[in-house]
Amino acid sequence: MIALFEIGFVLLAVIGTYLPWTWWKGGAAFSVNLYDLAEWVSLVPRVRFGEPPLVAPGVLRLVPALVAIMLGVSAASAQRRWLRWLLRALALLLCVGLLPPIEFLRGQLGDPNYRQQAVIAILSGLCVLALLFRSLKVVALLAALLALMCGVVGFTQSRDIFATLKTQILIGPGLVLTLTSLVFYSSVLIIRALLKRKPIHPRA
């Protein structure tokens, strides 16, 4: 039962990344999901050419990358073989979704934004592939906690960046769903670890 909760919460976190992370009173222009928010922020000159550059977009893009790693670990908890491989395939698709557009390979290899996307996508994909051979719950827990931190920091930085552009963005349902799922996912992993360590006393 705990395994089902584990998989369920990480899938909710995946769904949350595709729902609007921001809400803008002026309409749908800045009511965007996690991926679009990272792209919007990367277009701001002081972010793209800052020292270091592209911090806020990178932090945001780490969230789905870490969620993919969590999904790769949690796939081992599925009892049915087809479900395990389906979840692993989904984890790899999340990594593929982080890749830059095809223009990256058509003469724009020097674009720092595209390079960042490629590095995060490739590294997260390699981690998911490595987890096919070994499931490490401690890796999943660390990934969940880091994703939670990146989500909070990334949104906060994005909000401050938009504030300098005289645009106020508010918290969207996708952000709430993703962060809440990460909290519950981490709790499930901690509970599983505690239950495994709990001594079993033989009955008299």
N, C-alpha and C. Protein backbone atom coordinates (compact mmCIF):
# COMPACT_ATOMS: atom_id res chain seq x y z
N MET A 1 0.82 -1.21 0.00
CA MET A 1 0.00 0.00 0.00
C MET A 1 0.86 1.26 0.00
N ILE A 2 1.94 1.24 0.83
CA ILE A 2 2.83 2.40 0.88
C ILE A 2 3.48 2.62 -0.48
N ALA A 3 3.81 1.51 -1.16
CA ALA A 3 4.43 1.61 -2.49
C ALA A 3 3.50 2.34 -3.47
N LEU A 4 2.18 2.08 -3.37
CA LEU A 4 1.22 2.74 -4.24
C LEU A 4 1.18 4.25 -3.98
N PHE A 5 1.24 4.61 -2.70
CA PHE A 5 1.28 6.03 -2.36
C PHE A 5 2.54 6.68 -2.90
N GLU A 6 3.65 5.96 -2.80
CA GLU A 6 4.93 6.47 -3.28
C GLU A 6 4.85 6.79 -4.77
N ILE A 7 4.37 5.83 -5.55
CA ILE A 7 4.25 6.02 -6.99
C ILE A 7 3.22 7.10 -7.32
N GLY A 8 2.11 7.09 -6.59
CA GLY A 8 1.05 8.07 -6.82
C GLY A 8 1.51 9.49 -6.61
N PHE A 9 2.25 9.74 -5.53
CA PHE A 9 2.70 11.10 -5.25
C PHE A 9 3.71 11.60 -6.27
N VAL A 10 4.59 10.72 -6.73
CA VAL A 10 5.57 11.17 -7.72
C VAL A 10 4.88 11.44 -9.06
N LEU A 11 3.83 10.68 -9.39
CA LEU A 11 3.07 10.96 -10.61
C LEU A 11 2.32 12.28 -10.51
N LEU A 12 1.81 12.58 -9.32
CA LEU A 12 1.16 13.88 -9.11
C LEU A 12 2.16 15.02 -9.28
N ALA A 13 3.39 14.79 -8.82
CA ALA A 13 4.43 15.80 -9.00
C ALA A 13 4.71 16.03 -10.49
N VAL A 14 4.68 14.94 -11.26
CA VAL A 14 4.87 15.06 -12.71
C VAL A 14 3.75 15.90 -13.32
N ILE A 15 2.51 15.59 -12.95
CA ILE A 15 1.36 16.34 -13.48
C ILE A 15 1.47 17.82 -13.10
N GLY A 16 1.93 18.06 -11.87
CA GLY A 16 2.04 19.44 -11.41
C GLY A 16 2.99 20.29 -12.22
N THR A 17 4.04 19.67 -12.80
CA THR A 17 4.98 20.45 -13.60
C THR A 17 4.35 20.95 -14.90
N TYR A 18 3.28 20.29 -15.36
CA TYR A 18 2.62 20.68 -16.60
C TYR A 18 1.44 21.62 -16.37
N LEU A 19 1.00 21.73 -15.13
CA LEU A 19 -0.07 22.68 -14.80
C LEU A 19 0.54 24.06 -14.56
N PRO A 20 -0.27 25.13 -14.62
CA PRO A 20 0.28 26.48 -14.42
C PRO A 20 0.96 26.64 -13.07
N TRP A 21 2.22 27.07 -13.11
CA TRP A 21 2.96 27.35 -11.88
C TRP A 21 2.76 28.78 -11.43
N THR A 22 2.32 29.61 -12.34
CA THR A 22 2.10 31.01 -12.02
C THR A 22 0.69 31.41 -12.43
N TRP A 23 0.22 32.45 -11.81
CA TRP A 23 -1.09 33.02 -12.16
C TRP A 23 -0.92 34.51 -12.23
N TRP A 24 -1.39 35.09 -13.33
CA TRP A 24 -1.24 36.52 -13.56
C TRP A 24 -2.60 37.16 -13.69
N LYS A 25 -2.81 38.23 -12.94
CA LYS A 25 -4.11 38.90 -12.94
C LYS A 25 -4.47 39.46 -14.30
N GLY A 26 -3.46 39.77 -15.11
CA GLY A 26 -3.73 40.39 -16.40
C GLY A 26 -4.17 39.44 -17.49
N GLY A 27 -4.22 38.16 -17.21
CA GLY A 27 -4.64 37.20 -18.23
C GLY A 27 -3.75 35.99 -18.26
N ALA A 28 -3.73 35.30 -19.41
CA ALA A 28 -3.01 34.03 -19.51
C ALA A 28 -1.57 34.18 -19.98
N ALA A 29 -1.11 35.40 -20.28
CA ALA A 29 0.22 35.59 -20.84
C ALA A 29 1.31 35.00 -19.95
N PHE A 30 1.22 35.23 -18.66
CA PHE A 30 2.22 34.73 -17.74
C PHE A 30 1.67 33.64 -16.81
N SER A 31 0.52 33.07 -17.17
CA SER A 31 0.00 31.91 -16.44
C SER A 31 0.55 30.67 -17.13
N VAL A 32 1.75 30.28 -16.75
CA VAL A 32 2.49 29.26 -17.50
C VAL A 32 2.92 28.11 -16.59
N ASN A 33 3.24 26.98 -17.24
CA ASN A 33 3.71 25.83 -16.46
C ASN A 33 5.20 25.98 -16.16
N LEU A 34 5.76 24.98 -15.51
CA LEU A 34 7.15 25.05 -15.06
C LEU A 34 8.12 25.25 -16.22
N TYR A 35 7.92 24.50 -17.30
CA TYR A 35 8.83 24.55 -18.44
C TYR A 35 8.79 25.93 -19.10
N ASP A 36 7.59 26.45 -19.30
CA ASP A 36 7.46 27.77 -19.93
C ASP A 36 7.95 28.88 -19.01
N LEU A 37 7.77 28.70 -17.70
CA LEU A 37 8.26 29.70 -16.76
C LEU A 37 9.78 29.80 -16.84
N ALA A 38 10.45 28.65 -16.90
CA ALA A 38 11.91 28.65 -17.03
C ALA A 38 12.34 29.34 -18.32
N GLU A 39 11.59 29.10 -19.39
CA GLU A 39 11.93 29.72 -20.67
C GLU A 39 11.69 31.22 -20.65
N TRP A 40 10.60 31.65 -20.05
CA TRP A 40 10.30 33.08 -19.94
C TRP A 40 11.42 33.80 -19.17
N VAL A 41 11.80 33.21 -18.03
CA VAL A 41 12.82 33.84 -17.19
C VAL A 41 14.16 33.90 -17.92
N SER A 42 14.45 32.88 -18.73
CA SER A 42 15.74 32.84 -19.44
C SER A 42 15.86 33.95 -20.48
N LEU A 43 14.73 34.56 -20.88
CA LEU A 43 14.75 35.62 -21.88
C LEU A 43 15.11 36.98 -21.30
N VAL A 44 15.05 37.09 -19.98
CA VAL A 44 15.37 38.37 -19.34
C VAL A 44 16.88 38.60 -19.42
N PRO A 45 17.34 39.72 -19.98
CA PRO A 45 18.77 39.94 -20.20
C PRO A 45 19.63 39.79 -18.94
N ARG A 46 19.18 40.32 -17.81
CA ARG A 46 20.01 40.23 -16.61
C ARG A 46 20.10 38.82 -16.05
N VAL A 47 19.19 37.95 -16.49
CA VAL A 47 19.26 36.54 -16.11
C VAL A 47 20.17 35.79 -17.07
N ARG A 48 19.98 36.02 -18.36
CA ARG A 48 20.77 35.33 -19.39
C ARG A 48 22.24 35.69 -19.32
N PHE A 49 22.53 36.96 -19.02
CA PHE A 49 23.93 37.41 -19.04
C PHE A 49 24.44 37.74 -17.64
N GLY A 50 23.78 37.21 -16.62
CA GLY A 50 24.19 37.48 -15.25
C GLY A 50 25.45 36.72 -14.88
N GLU A 51 25.91 36.95 -13.67
CA GLU A 51 27.09 36.25 -13.15
C GLU A 51 26.73 35.57 -11.84
N PRO A 52 26.52 34.24 -11.84
CA PRO A 52 26.54 33.34 -13.00
C PRO A 52 25.24 33.47 -13.81
N PRO A 53 25.26 33.06 -15.08
CA PRO A 53 24.08 33.22 -15.92
C PRO A 53 23.05 32.12 -15.72
N LEU A 54 21.79 32.43 -16.00
CA LEU A 54 20.70 31.45 -16.08
C LEU A 54 20.53 30.63 -14.79
N VAL A 55 20.68 31.28 -13.66
CA VAL A 55 20.52 30.56 -12.39
C VAL A 55 19.06 30.15 -12.17
N ALA A 56 18.16 31.12 -12.27
CA ALA A 56 16.74 30.83 -12.03
C ALA A 56 16.18 29.78 -12.98
N PRO A 57 16.43 29.88 -14.31
CA PRO A 57 15.93 28.82 -15.21
C PRO A 57 16.53 27.46 -14.89
N GLY A 58 17.81 27.45 -14.53
CA GLY A 58 18.45 26.18 -14.21
C GLY A 58 17.85 25.52 -12.99
N VAL A 59 17.56 26.33 -11.96
CA VAL A 59 16.95 25.80 -10.75
C VAL A 59 15.57 25.23 -11.06
N LEU A 60 14.81 25.94 -11.88
CA LEU A 60 13.48 25.46 -12.25
C LEU A 60 13.56 24.16 -13.06
N ARG A 61 14.48 24.09 -13.99
CA ARG A 61 14.60 22.90 -14.83
C ARG A 61 15.10 21.69 -14.06
N LEU A 62 15.75 21.92 -12.94
CA LEU A 62 16.19 20.80 -12.11
C LEU A 62 15.01 20.06 -11.49
N VAL A 63 13.89 20.75 -11.30
CA VAL A 63 12.74 20.12 -10.65
C VAL A 63 12.24 18.91 -11.44
N PRO A 64 11.87 19.05 -12.73
CA PRO A 64 11.43 17.86 -13.47
C PRO A 64 12.54 16.83 -13.65
N ALA A 65 13.80 17.28 -13.72
CA ALA A 65 14.91 16.33 -13.82
C ALA A 65 14.99 15.46 -12.57
N LEU A 66 14.84 16.08 -11.42
CA LEU A 66 14.88 15.34 -10.16
C LEU A 66 13.64 14.47 -10.00
N VAL A 67 12.49 14.96 -10.46
CA VAL A 67 11.27 14.16 -10.41
C VAL A 67 11.42 12.92 -11.28
N ALA A 68 12.11 13.05 -12.41
CA ALA A 68 12.36 11.89 -13.28
C ALA A 68 13.20 10.85 -12.55
N ILE A 69 14.20 11.31 -11.81
CA ILE A 69 15.03 10.38 -11.03
C ILE A 69 14.20 9.70 -9.95
N MET A 70 13.34 10.46 -9.28
CA MET A 70 12.44 9.89 -8.28
C MET A 70 11.55 8.82 -8.90
N LEU A 71 11.05 9.09 -10.09
CA LEU A 71 10.18 8.13 -10.77
C LEU A 71 10.95 6.87 -11.15
N GLY A 72 12.21 7.06 -11.56
CA GLY A 72 13.04 5.90 -11.89
C GLY A 72 13.27 5.00 -10.70
N VAL A 73 13.45 5.61 -9.52
CA VAL A 73 13.63 4.82 -8.30
C VAL A 73 12.32 4.16 -7.89
N SER A 74 11.24 4.91 -7.91
CA SER A 74 9.95 4.40 -7.45
C SER A 74 9.40 3.31 -8.35
N ALA A 75 9.85 3.28 -9.60
CA ALA A 75 9.38 2.25 -10.52
C ALA A 75 9.64 0.85 -9.98
N ALA A 76 10.72 0.70 -9.23
CA ALA A 76 11.07 -0.62 -8.67
C ALA A 76 10.04 -1.09 -7.65
N SER A 77 9.23 -0.15 -7.12
CA SER A 77 8.23 -0.52 -6.11
C SER A 77 6.99 -1.14 -6.74
N ALA A 78 6.82 -0.96 -8.04
CA ALA A 78 5.65 -1.53 -8.72
C ALA A 78 5.76 -3.05 -8.79
N GLN A 79 4.69 -3.74 -8.46
CA GLN A 79 4.73 -5.20 -8.41
C GLN A 79 4.69 -5.83 -9.79
N ARG A 80 4.02 -5.20 -10.72
CA ARG A 80 3.90 -5.77 -12.07
C ARG A 80 5.05 -5.29 -12.94
N ARG A 81 5.61 -6.21 -13.70
CA ARG A 81 6.77 -5.89 -14.52
C ARG A 81 6.46 -4.83 -15.58
N TRP A 82 5.29 -4.94 -16.22
CA TRP A 82 4.94 -3.99 -17.27
C TRP A 82 4.81 -2.58 -16.72
N LEU A 83 4.32 -2.48 -15.47
CA LEU A 83 4.18 -1.17 -14.86
C LEU A 83 5.55 -0.58 -14.52
N ARG A 84 6.46 -1.43 -14.06
CA ARG A 84 7.81 -0.95 -13.75
C ARG A 84 8.46 -0.33 -14.98
N TRP A 85 8.36 -1.03 -16.11
CA TRP A 85 8.99 -0.53 -17.33
C TRP A 85 8.24 0.66 -17.91
N LEU A 86 6.94 0.72 -17.68
CA LEU A 86 6.18 1.88 -18.13
C LEU A 86 6.61 3.13 -17.38
N LEU A 87 6.78 2.99 -16.07
CA LEU A 87 7.21 4.13 -15.25
C LEU A 87 8.64 4.55 -15.61
N ARG A 88 9.49 3.57 -15.89
CA ARG A 88 10.86 3.90 -16.29
C ARG A 88 10.88 4.62 -17.63
N ALA A 89 10.02 4.18 -18.54
CA ALA A 89 9.93 4.84 -19.84
C ALA A 89 9.44 6.28 -19.67
N LEU A 90 8.47 6.47 -18.77
CA LEU A 90 7.96 7.80 -18.51
C LEU A 90 9.05 8.69 -17.93
N ALA A 91 9.88 8.12 -17.05
CA ALA A 91 10.99 8.89 -16.47
C ALA A 91 11.95 9.35 -17.55
N LEU A 92 12.25 8.48 -18.50
CA LEU A 92 13.14 8.85 -19.60
C LEU A 92 12.49 9.90 -20.50
N LEU A 93 11.17 9.80 -20.70
CA LEU A 93 10.47 10.80 -21.51
C LEU A 93 10.53 12.18 -20.86
N LEU A 94 10.48 12.21 -19.53
CA LEU A 94 10.61 13.48 -18.82
C LEU A 94 11.97 14.11 -19.10
N CYS A 95 13.00 13.27 -19.15
CA CYS A 95 14.34 13.76 -19.45
C CYS A 95 14.43 14.26 -20.89
N VAL A 96 13.81 13.52 -21.80
CA VAL A 96 13.80 13.93 -23.21
C VAL A 96 13.08 15.27 -23.37
N GLY A 97 12.03 15.46 -22.57
CA GLY A 97 11.28 16.71 -22.63
C GLY A 97 12.08 17.93 -22.21
N LEU A 98 13.20 17.70 -21.54
CA LEU A 98 14.06 18.80 -21.10
C LEU A 98 15.08 19.20 -22.16
N LEU A 99 15.19 18.41 -23.22
CA LEU A 99 16.16 18.71 -24.27
C LEU A 99 15.81 20.02 -24.98
N PRO A 100 16.83 20.73 -25.46
CA PRO A 100 16.57 21.96 -26.21
C PRO A 100 15.99 21.65 -27.57
N PRO A 101 15.44 22.65 -28.27
CA PRO A 101 14.89 22.41 -29.61
C PRO A 101 15.99 22.01 -30.59
N ILE A 102 15.57 21.53 -31.76
CA ILE A 102 16.50 21.01 -32.76
C ILE A 102 17.47 22.08 -33.25
N GLU A 103 17.10 23.36 -33.06
CA GLU A 103 18.00 24.44 -33.47
C GLU A 103 19.33 24.38 -32.76
N PHE A 104 19.35 23.74 -31.58
CA PHE A 104 20.59 23.58 -30.82
C PHE A 104 21.65 22.86 -31.64
N LEU A 105 21.21 21.89 -32.43
CA LEU A 105 22.13 21.11 -33.26
C LEU A 105 22.32 21.72 -34.64
N ARG A 106 21.64 22.81 -34.91
CA ARG A 106 21.73 23.45 -36.22
C ARG A 106 22.46 24.79 -36.14
N GLY A 107 23.56 24.77 -35.45
CA GLY A 107 24.40 25.97 -35.42
C GLY A 107 24.26 26.83 -34.19
N GLN A 108 23.46 26.40 -33.20
CA GLN A 108 23.31 27.20 -31.99
C GLN A 108 23.88 26.48 -30.76
N LEU A 109 24.98 25.77 -30.98
CA LEU A 109 25.61 25.05 -29.87
C LEU A 109 26.17 26.01 -28.82
N GLY A 110 26.41 27.24 -29.22
CA GLY A 110 26.97 28.20 -28.28
C GLY A 110 25.93 28.89 -27.42
N ASP A 111 24.65 28.65 -27.66
CA ASP A 111 23.60 29.29 -26.87
C ASP A 111 23.62 28.74 -25.46
N PRO A 112 23.88 29.58 -24.44
CA PRO A 112 23.99 29.08 -23.06
C PRO A 112 22.69 28.48 -22.53
N ASN A 113 21.56 29.03 -22.96
CA ASN A 113 20.27 28.51 -22.51
C ASN A 113 20.05 27.09 -23.03
N TYR A 114 20.34 26.87 -24.31
CA TYR A 114 20.20 25.55 -24.90
C TYR A 114 21.20 24.56 -24.29
N ARG A 115 22.43 25.04 -24.03
CA ARG A 115 23.43 24.17 -23.41
C ARG A 115 22.98 23.71 -22.04
N GLN A 116 22.40 24.63 -21.28
CA GLN A 116 21.92 24.26 -19.95
C GLN A 116 20.84 23.19 -20.03
N GLN A 117 19.90 23.36 -20.96
CA GLN A 117 18.84 22.37 -21.13
C GLN A 117 19.42 21.01 -21.49
N ALA A 118 20.39 21.00 -22.40
CA ALA A 118 20.98 19.74 -22.85
C ALA A 118 21.71 19.04 -21.71
N VAL A 119 22.48 19.78 -20.93
CA VAL A 119 23.24 19.17 -19.82
C VAL A 119 22.31 18.56 -18.79
N ILE A 120 21.27 19.31 -18.40
CA ILE A 120 20.33 18.81 -17.39
C ILE A 120 19.60 17.58 -17.91
N ALA A 121 19.17 17.62 -19.18
CA ALA A 121 18.44 16.49 -19.77
C ALA A 121 19.32 15.25 -19.84
N ILE A 122 20.55 15.41 -20.30
CA ILE A 122 21.44 14.26 -20.46
C ILE A 122 21.83 13.66 -19.12
N LEU A 123 22.18 14.50 -18.15
CA LEU A 123 22.58 13.99 -16.84
C LEU A 123 21.43 13.28 -16.13
N SER A 124 20.24 13.85 -16.21
CA SER A 124 19.09 13.20 -15.56
C SER A 124 18.76 11.90 -16.27
N GLY A 125 18.88 11.87 -17.60
CA GLY A 125 18.63 10.64 -18.34
C GLY A 125 19.62 9.54 -17.97
N LEU A 126 20.89 9.91 -17.81
CA LEU A 126 21.90 8.93 -17.41
C LEU A 126 21.62 8.38 -16.01
N CYS A 127 21.16 9.25 -15.12
CA CYS A 127 20.81 8.80 -13.76
C CYS A 127 19.65 7.81 -13.80
N VAL A 128 18.64 8.10 -14.61
CA VAL A 128 17.50 7.19 -14.73
C VAL A 128 17.95 5.84 -15.28
N LEU A 129 18.81 5.86 -16.29
CA LEU A 129 19.32 4.61 -16.85
C LEU A 129 20.14 3.84 -15.84
N ALA A 130 20.93 4.53 -15.03
CA ALA A 130 21.73 3.86 -14.00
C ALA A 130 20.85 3.18 -12.97
N LEU A 131 19.68 3.78 -12.70
CA LEU A 131 18.77 3.23 -11.70
C LEU A 131 18.03 1.99 -12.20
N LEU A 132 18.18 1.67 -13.50
CA LEU A 132 17.59 0.43 -14.01
C LEU A 132 18.25 -0.79 -13.37
N PHE A 133 19.47 -0.61 -12.92
CA PHE A 133 20.23 -1.73 -12.38
C PHE A 133 20.25 -1.75 -10.86
N ARG A 134 19.90 -0.61 -10.26
CA ARG A 134 19.89 -0.58 -8.79
C ARG A 134 18.97 0.53 -8.31
N SER A 135 18.12 0.19 -7.37
CA SER A 135 17.18 1.16 -6.82
C SER A 135 17.69 1.65 -5.47
N LEU A 136 17.92 2.94 -5.35
CA LEU A 136 18.44 3.52 -4.12
C LEU A 136 17.42 4.52 -3.58
N LYS A 137 16.73 4.13 -2.53
CA LYS A 137 15.70 5.00 -1.95
C LYS A 137 16.30 6.29 -1.40
N VAL A 138 17.53 6.21 -0.92
CA VAL A 138 18.16 7.42 -0.38
C VAL A 138 18.37 8.44 -1.50
N VAL A 139 18.63 7.96 -2.72
CA VAL A 139 18.76 8.86 -3.87
C VAL A 139 17.42 9.53 -4.15
N ALA A 140 16.35 8.76 -4.09
CA ALA A 140 15.01 9.30 -4.34
C ALA A 140 14.64 10.35 -3.30
N LEU A 141 14.96 10.08 -2.04
CA LEU A 141 14.65 11.03 -0.97
C LEU A 141 15.43 12.32 -1.14
N LEU A 142 16.72 12.20 -1.44
CA LEU A 142 17.54 13.39 -1.65
C LEU A 142 17.05 14.17 -2.87
N ALA A 143 16.65 13.44 -3.92
CA ALA A 143 16.13 14.10 -5.12
C ALA A 143 14.84 14.85 -4.81
N ALA A 144 13.97 14.24 -4.00
CA ALA A 144 12.70 14.88 -3.64
C ALA A 144 12.93 16.15 -2.83
N LEU A 145 13.83 16.07 -1.86
CA LEU A 145 14.11 17.24 -1.02
C LEU A 145 14.77 18.35 -1.83
N LEU A 146 15.67 17.96 -2.73
CA LEU A 146 16.34 18.96 -3.57
C LEU A 146 15.35 19.57 -4.56
N ALA A 147 14.45 18.75 -5.12
CA ALA A 147 13.42 19.26 -6.03
C ALA A 147 12.50 20.24 -5.31
N LEU A 148 12.16 19.92 -4.07
CA LEU A 148 11.31 20.80 -3.27
C LEU A 148 11.99 22.15 -3.07
N MET A 149 13.28 22.11 -2.73
CA MET A 149 14.03 23.35 -2.53
C MET A 149 14.16 24.13 -3.83
N CYS A 150 14.44 23.42 -4.93
CA CYS A 150 14.58 24.10 -6.22
C CYS A 150 13.27 24.74 -6.66
N GLY A 151 12.16 24.06 -6.39
CA GLY A 151 10.86 24.62 -6.74
C GLY A 151 10.58 25.92 -6.02
N VAL A 152 10.85 25.93 -4.72
CA VAL A 152 10.61 27.14 -3.92
C VAL A 152 11.54 28.26 -4.36
N VAL A 153 12.84 27.94 -4.46
CA VAL A 153 13.83 28.96 -4.84
C VAL A 153 13.58 29.46 -6.26
N GLY A 154 13.31 28.54 -7.19
CA GLY A 154 13.09 28.93 -8.57
C GLY A 154 11.89 29.84 -8.74
N PHE A 155 10.78 29.50 -8.07
CA PHE A 155 9.59 30.35 -8.18
C PHE A 155 9.85 31.70 -7.53
N THR A 156 10.50 31.72 -6.38
CA THR A 156 10.77 32.98 -5.68
C THR A 156 11.64 33.90 -6.54
N GLN A 157 12.68 33.32 -7.15
CA GLN A 157 13.54 34.13 -8.01
C GLN A 157 12.78 34.62 -9.24
N SER A 158 11.94 33.77 -9.81
CA SER A 158 11.16 34.16 -10.98
C SER A 158 10.20 35.30 -10.63
N ARG A 159 9.58 35.20 -9.47
CA ARG A 159 8.65 36.25 -9.05
C ARG A 159 9.38 37.58 -8.89
N ASP A 160 10.58 37.53 -8.32
CA ASP A 160 11.36 38.76 -8.14
C ASP A 160 11.79 39.34 -9.49
N ILE A 161 12.13 38.46 -10.44
CA ILE A 161 12.53 38.91 -11.77
C ILE A 161 11.37 39.60 -12.48
N PHE A 162 10.19 38.99 -12.40
CA PHE A 162 9.02 39.59 -13.04
C PHE A 162 8.62 40.89 -12.34
N ALA A 163 8.89 40.97 -11.04
CA ALA A 163 8.57 42.20 -10.31
C ALA A 163 9.37 43.38 -10.85
N THR A 164 10.62 43.12 -11.27
CA THR A 164 11.43 44.19 -11.85
C THR A 164 10.87 44.64 -13.19
N LEU A 165 10.07 43.79 -13.83
CA LEU A 165 9.43 44.12 -15.10
C LEU A 165 8.03 44.69 -14.88
N LYS A 166 7.72 45.03 -13.63
CA LYS A 166 6.41 45.59 -13.27
C LYS A 166 5.28 44.60 -13.54
N THR A 167 5.58 43.32 -13.38
CA THR A 167 4.57 42.28 -13.57
C THR A 167 4.53 41.41 -12.31
N GLN A 168 3.37 41.34 -11.70
CA GLN A 168 3.23 40.54 -10.48
C GLN A 168 2.62 39.18 -10.81
N ILE A 169 3.37 38.13 -10.52
CA ILE A 169 2.85 36.78 -10.74
C ILE A 169 2.56 36.15 -9.38
N LEU A 170 1.50 35.35 -9.36
CA LEU A 170 1.07 34.70 -8.13
C LEU A 170 1.26 33.19 -8.25
N ILE A 171 1.13 32.51 -7.14
CA ILE A 171 1.30 31.05 -7.10
C ILE A 171 0.18 30.37 -7.87
N GLY A 172 0.55 29.45 -8.77
CA GLY A 172 -0.42 28.71 -9.56
C GLY A 172 -0.67 27.32 -8.99
N PRO A 173 -1.71 26.64 -9.46
CA PRO A 173 -2.06 25.31 -8.93
C PRO A 173 -0.98 24.26 -9.21
N GLY A 174 -0.26 24.41 -10.31
CA GLY A 174 0.78 23.44 -10.61
C GLY A 174 1.89 23.46 -9.58
N LEU A 175 2.27 24.65 -9.16
CA LEU A 175 3.30 24.78 -8.13
C LEU A 175 2.85 24.14 -6.82
N VAL A 176 1.60 24.41 -6.44
CA VAL A 176 1.06 23.84 -5.21
C VAL A 176 1.03 22.32 -5.28
N LEU A 177 0.55 21.78 -6.41
CA LEU A 177 0.46 20.33 -6.56
C LEU A 177 1.83 19.68 -6.53
N THR A 178 2.79 20.26 -7.25
CA THR A 178 4.14 19.68 -7.31
C THR A 178 4.79 19.68 -5.93
N LEU A 179 4.79 20.82 -5.26
CA LEU A 179 5.47 20.91 -3.96
C LEU A 179 4.77 20.05 -2.90
N THR A 180 3.45 20.04 -2.92
CA THR A 180 2.72 19.21 -1.96
C THR A 180 3.01 17.73 -2.19
N SER A 181 3.04 17.32 -3.45
CA SER A 181 3.35 15.92 -3.78
C SER A 181 4.76 15.55 -3.33
N LEU A 182 5.70 16.48 -3.50
CA LEU A 182 7.08 16.21 -3.07
C LEU A 182 7.17 16.04 -1.56
N VAL A 183 6.40 16.85 -0.83
CA VAL A 183 6.40 16.72 0.63
C VAL A 183 5.85 15.36 1.05
N PHE A 184 4.72 14.97 0.47
CA PHE A 184 4.12 13.68 0.82
C PHE A 184 4.99 12.52 0.35
N TYR A 185 5.61 12.66 -0.81
CA TYR A 185 6.50 11.61 -1.32
C TYR A 185 7.66 11.40 -0.36
N SER A 186 8.27 12.50 0.08
CA SER A 186 9.38 12.39 1.04
C SER A 186 8.92 11.74 2.33
N SER A 187 7.72 12.09 2.79
CA SER A 187 7.19 11.51 4.02
C SER A 187 6.98 10.01 3.88
N VAL A 188 6.49 9.58 2.71
CA VAL A 188 6.27 8.15 2.47
C VAL A 188 7.59 7.40 2.52
N LEU A 189 8.63 7.94 1.91
CA LEU A 189 9.93 7.28 1.93
C LEU A 189 10.50 7.18 3.34
N ILE A 190 10.31 8.24 4.11
CA ILE A 190 10.80 8.24 5.50
C ILE A 190 10.03 7.20 6.32
N ILE A 191 8.71 7.14 6.12
CA ILE A 191 7.89 6.16 6.85
C ILE A 191 8.30 4.74 6.49
N ARG A 192 8.55 4.49 5.20
CA ARG A 192 8.98 3.15 4.77
C ARG A 192 10.30 2.78 5.43
N ALA A 193 11.22 3.74 5.50
CA ALA A 193 12.52 3.47 6.11
C ALA A 193 12.37 3.17 7.60
N LEU A 194 11.48 3.91 8.27
CA LEU A 194 11.27 3.69 9.70
C LEU A 194 10.61 2.34 9.96
N LEU A 195 9.68 1.95 9.12
CA LEU A 195 9.01 0.66 9.29
C LEU A 195 9.98 -0.51 9.09
N LYS A 196 10.90 -0.35 8.17
CA LYS A 196 11.88 -1.41 7.93
C LYS A 196 12.85 -1.55 9.08
N ARG A 197 13.12 -0.44 9.76
CA ARG A 197 14.05 -0.47 10.89
C ARG A 197 13.39 -0.88 12.21
N LYS A 198 12.04 -0.89 12.22
CA LYS A 198 11.31 -1.20 13.45
C LYS A 198 11.55 -2.64 13.85
N PRO A 199 12.05 -2.90 15.07
CA PRO A 199 12.32 -4.27 15.49
C PRO A 199 11.03 -5.07 15.65
N ILE A 200 11.06 -6.30 15.26
CA ILE A 200 9.91 -7.19 15.39
C ILE A 200 10.14 -8.12 16.56
N HIS A 201 9.28 -8.02 17.59
CA HIS A 201 9.41 -8.84 18.78
C HIS A 201 8.58 -10.10 18.64
N PRO A 202 9.16 -11.26 18.86
CA PRO A 202 8.39 -12.51 18.75
C PRO A 202 7.31 -12.57 19.82
N ARG A 203 6.17 -13.16 19.44
CA ARG A 203 5.07 -13.29 20.40
C ARG A 203 5.42 -14.34 21.45
N ALA A 204 4.92 -14.10 22.65
CA ALA A 204 5.17 -15.05 23.74
C ALA A 204 4.39 -16.34 23.52
